[in-house]
C-alpha atoms as a PDB file:
ATOM      1  CA  UNK A   1      64.004  12.503  72.377  1.00  0.00           C
ATOM      2  CA  UNK A   2      60.538  14.002  72.025  1.00  0.00           C
ATOM      3  CA  UNK A   3      57.916  13.836  74.730  1.00  0.00           C
ATOM      4  CA  UNK A   4      54.339  13.529  73.561  1.00  0.00           C
ATOM      5  CA  UNK A   5      51.290  14.173  75.626  1.00  0.00           C
ATOM      6  CA  UNK A   6      47.893  12.593  75.588  1.00  0.00           C
ATOM      7  CA  UNK A   7      45.108  14.769  76.903  1.00  0.00           C
ATOM      8  CA  UNK A   8      42.741  12.688  79.005  1.00  0.00           C
ATOM      9  CA  UNK A   9      42.302  14.713  82.189  1.00  0.00           C
ATOM     10  CA  UNK A  10      38.654  15.771  82.304  1.00  0.00           C
ATOM     11  CA  UNK A  11      39.422  18.352  85.010  1.00  0.00           C
ATOM     12  CA  UNK A  12      41.436  20.468  82.582  1.00  0.00           C
ATOM     13  CA  UNK A  13      39.580  23.356  81.034  1.00  0.00           C
ATOM     14  CA  UNK A  14      38.498  23.031  77.419  1.00  0.00           C
ATOM     15  CA  UNK A  15      40.920  25.813  76.497  1.00  0.00           C
ATOM     16  CA  UNK A  16      43.836  23.936  78.089  1.00  0.00           C
ATOM     17  CA  UNK A  17      42.856  20.745  76.284  1.00  0.00           C
ATOM     18  CA  UNK A  18      42.759  22.424  72.885  1.00  0.00           C
ATOM     19  CA  UNK A  19      46.141  24.195  73.157  1.00  0.00           C
ATOM     20  CA  UNK A  20      48.716  22.842  70.762  1.00  0.00           C
ATOM     21  CA  UNK A  21      52.309  24.103  70.985  1.00  0.00           C
ATOM     22  CA  UNK A  22      53.857  25.749  67.950  1.00  0.00           C
ATOM     23  CA  UNK A  23      55.295  23.126  65.608  1.00  0.00           C
ATOM     24  CA  UNK A  24      52.882  20.411  66.741  1.00  0.00           C
ATOM     25  CA  UNK A  25      49.546  19.033  65.642  1.00  0.00           C
ATOM     26  CA  UNK A  26      46.759  17.341  67.590  1.00  0.00           C
ATOM     27  CA  UNK A  27      45.587  13.982  66.270  1.00  0.00           C
ATOM     28  CA  UNK A  28      42.732  11.808  67.492  1.00  0.00           C
ATOM     29  CA  UNK A  29      43.462   8.084  67.499  1.00  0.00           C
ATOM     30  CA  UNK A  30      41.123   5.125  67.853  1.00  0.00           C
ATOM     31  CA  UNK A  31      38.935   2.730  65.949  1.00  0.00           C
ATOM     32  CA  UNK A  32      35.628   3.694  67.561  1.00  0.00           C
ATOM     33  CA  UNK A  33      34.324   7.245  67.352  1.00  0.00           C
ATOM     34  CA  UNK A  34      33.419   7.531  71.033  1.00  0.00           C
ATOM     35  CA  UNK A  35      36.790   6.204  72.276  1.00  0.00           C
ATOM     36  CA  UNK A  36      39.238   8.481  70.491  1.00  0.00           C
ATOM     37  CA  UNK A  37      42.350   9.620  72.376  1.00  0.00           C
ATOM     38  CA  UNK A  38      44.006  12.968  71.642  1.00  0.00           C
ATOM     39  CA  UNK A  39      47.764  13.087  71.040  1.00  0.00           C
ATOM     40  CA  UNK A  40      49.937  16.112  70.336  1.00  0.00           C
ATOM     41  CA  UNK A  41      52.808  15.259  67.992  1.00  0.00           C
ATOM     42  CA  UNK A  42      55.528  17.270  66.243  1.00  0.00           C
ATOM     43  CA  UNK A  43      54.621  18.314  62.706  1.00  0.00           C
ATOM     44  CA  UNK A  44      57.841  16.696  61.456  1.00  0.00           C
ATOM     45  CA  UNK A  45      56.247  13.269  62.072  1.00  0.00           C
ATOM     46  CA  UNK A  46      53.782  13.918  59.263  1.00  0.00           C
ATOM     47  CA  UNK A  47      56.610  13.297  56.762  1.00  0.00           C
ATOM     48  CA  UNK A  48      57.649   9.928  58.192  1.00  0.00           C
ATOM     49  CA  UNK A  49      56.698   7.041  55.853  1.00  0.00           C
ATOM     50  CA  UNK A  50      54.898   5.059  58.586  1.00  0.00           C
ATOM     51  CA  UNK A  51      52.897   8.119  59.619  1.00  0.00           C
ATOM     52  CA  UNK A  52      52.099   8.772  55.956  1.00  0.00           C
ATOM     53  CA  UNK A  53      50.550   5.303  55.827  1.00  0.00           C
ATOM     54  CA  UNK A  54      48.243   6.209  58.720  1.00  0.00           C
ATOM     55  CA  UNK A  55      47.356   9.493  57.029  1.00  0.00           C
ATOM     56  CA  UNK A  56      46.455   7.601  53.859  1.00  0.00           C
ATOM     57  CA  UNK A  57      44.136   5.338  55.880  1.00  0.00           C
ATOM     58  CA  UNK A  58      42.554   8.420  57.427  1.00  0.00           C
ATOM     59  CA  UNK A  59      42.008   9.945  53.990  1.00  0.00           C
ATOM     60  CA  UNK A  60      40.410   6.728  52.701  1.00  0.00           C
ATOM     61  CA  UNK A  61      38.053   6.511  55.676  1.00  0.00           C
ATOM     62  CA  UNK A  62      37.198  10.166  56.267  1.00  0.00           C
ATOM     63  CA  UNK A  63      38.386  12.121  53.224  1.00  0.00           C
ATOM     64  CA  UNK A  64      38.914  15.654  54.414  1.00  0.00           C
ATOM     65  CA  UNK A  65      35.817  15.670  56.627  1.00  0.00           C
ATOM     66  CA  UNK A  66      37.078  14.494  60.008  1.00  0.00           C
ATOM     67  CA  UNK A  67      34.113  13.973  62.355  1.00  0.00           C
ATOM     68  CA  UNK A  68      35.795  15.309  65.499  1.00  0.00           C
ATOM     69  CA  UNK A  69      37.011  18.435  63.753  1.00  0.00           C
ATOM     70  CA  UNK A  70      40.677  17.480  64.033  1.00  0.00           C
ATOM     71  CA  UNK A  71      42.934  15.040  62.252  1.00  0.00           C
ATOM     72  CA  UNK A  72      41.544  11.574  63.023  1.00  0.00           C
ATOM     73  CA  UNK A  73      43.686   8.425  62.654  1.00  0.00           C
ATOM     74  CA  UNK A  74      41.626   5.202  62.410  1.00  0.00           C
ATOM     75  CA  UNK A  75      43.895   2.737  64.211  1.00  0.00           C
ATOM     76  CA  UNK A  76      44.226   1.169  67.655  1.00  0.00           C
ATOM     77  CA  UNK A  77      45.824   3.374  70.293  1.00  0.00           C
ATOM     78  CA  UNK A  78      48.430   0.676  71.010  1.00  0.00           C
ATOM     79  CA  UNK A  79      49.440   0.618  67.336  1.00  0.00           C
ATOM     80  CA  UNK A  80      49.856   4.396  67.275  1.00  0.00           C
ATOM     81  CA  UNK A  81      51.889   4.426  70.503  1.00  0.00           C
ATOM     82  CA  UNK A  82      54.066   1.622  69.097  1.00  0.00           C
ATOM     83  CA  UNK A  83      54.705   3.700  65.988  1.00  0.00           C
ATOM     84  CA  UNK A  84      55.686   6.699  68.106  1.00  0.00           C
ATOM     85  CA  UNK A  85      57.941   4.508  70.233  1.00  0.00           C
ATOM     86  CA  UNK A  86      59.699   3.365  67.061  1.00  0.00           C
ATOM     87  CA  UNK A  87      60.568   7.042  66.483  1.00  0.00           C
ATOM     88  CA  UNK A  88      62.253   7.099  69.914  1.00  0.00           C
ATOM     89  CA  UNK A  89      59.469   9.042  71.629  1.00  0.00           C
ATOM     90  CA  UNK A  90      58.190   8.845  75.145  1.00  0.00           C
ATOM     91  CA  UNK A  91      54.396   8.932  75.375  1.00  0.00           C
ATOM     92  CA  UNK A  92      53.064  10.309  78.632  1.00  0.00           C
ATOM     93  CA  UNK A  93      49.523   9.689  79.778  1.00  0.00           C
END
């Protein structure tokens, strides 16, 4: 079972917040630009059909120019967490 982390602690240094473990990718999730949450997920999730659907939505909305500088998924945080839970993941806040 994978454990995913969401970086929301403002007391962490910028360098700590931007670290992504080998084999993972950071994604920003949310419908409004100013309320995006950062998740770190295993790269293997990118091949899952449900995740591919989210990536297609991201491509339609942003193309390859993601405004935050990282992969941005335009969906509600609850929807994204639900998708991860369906993979058997634990999402820590």
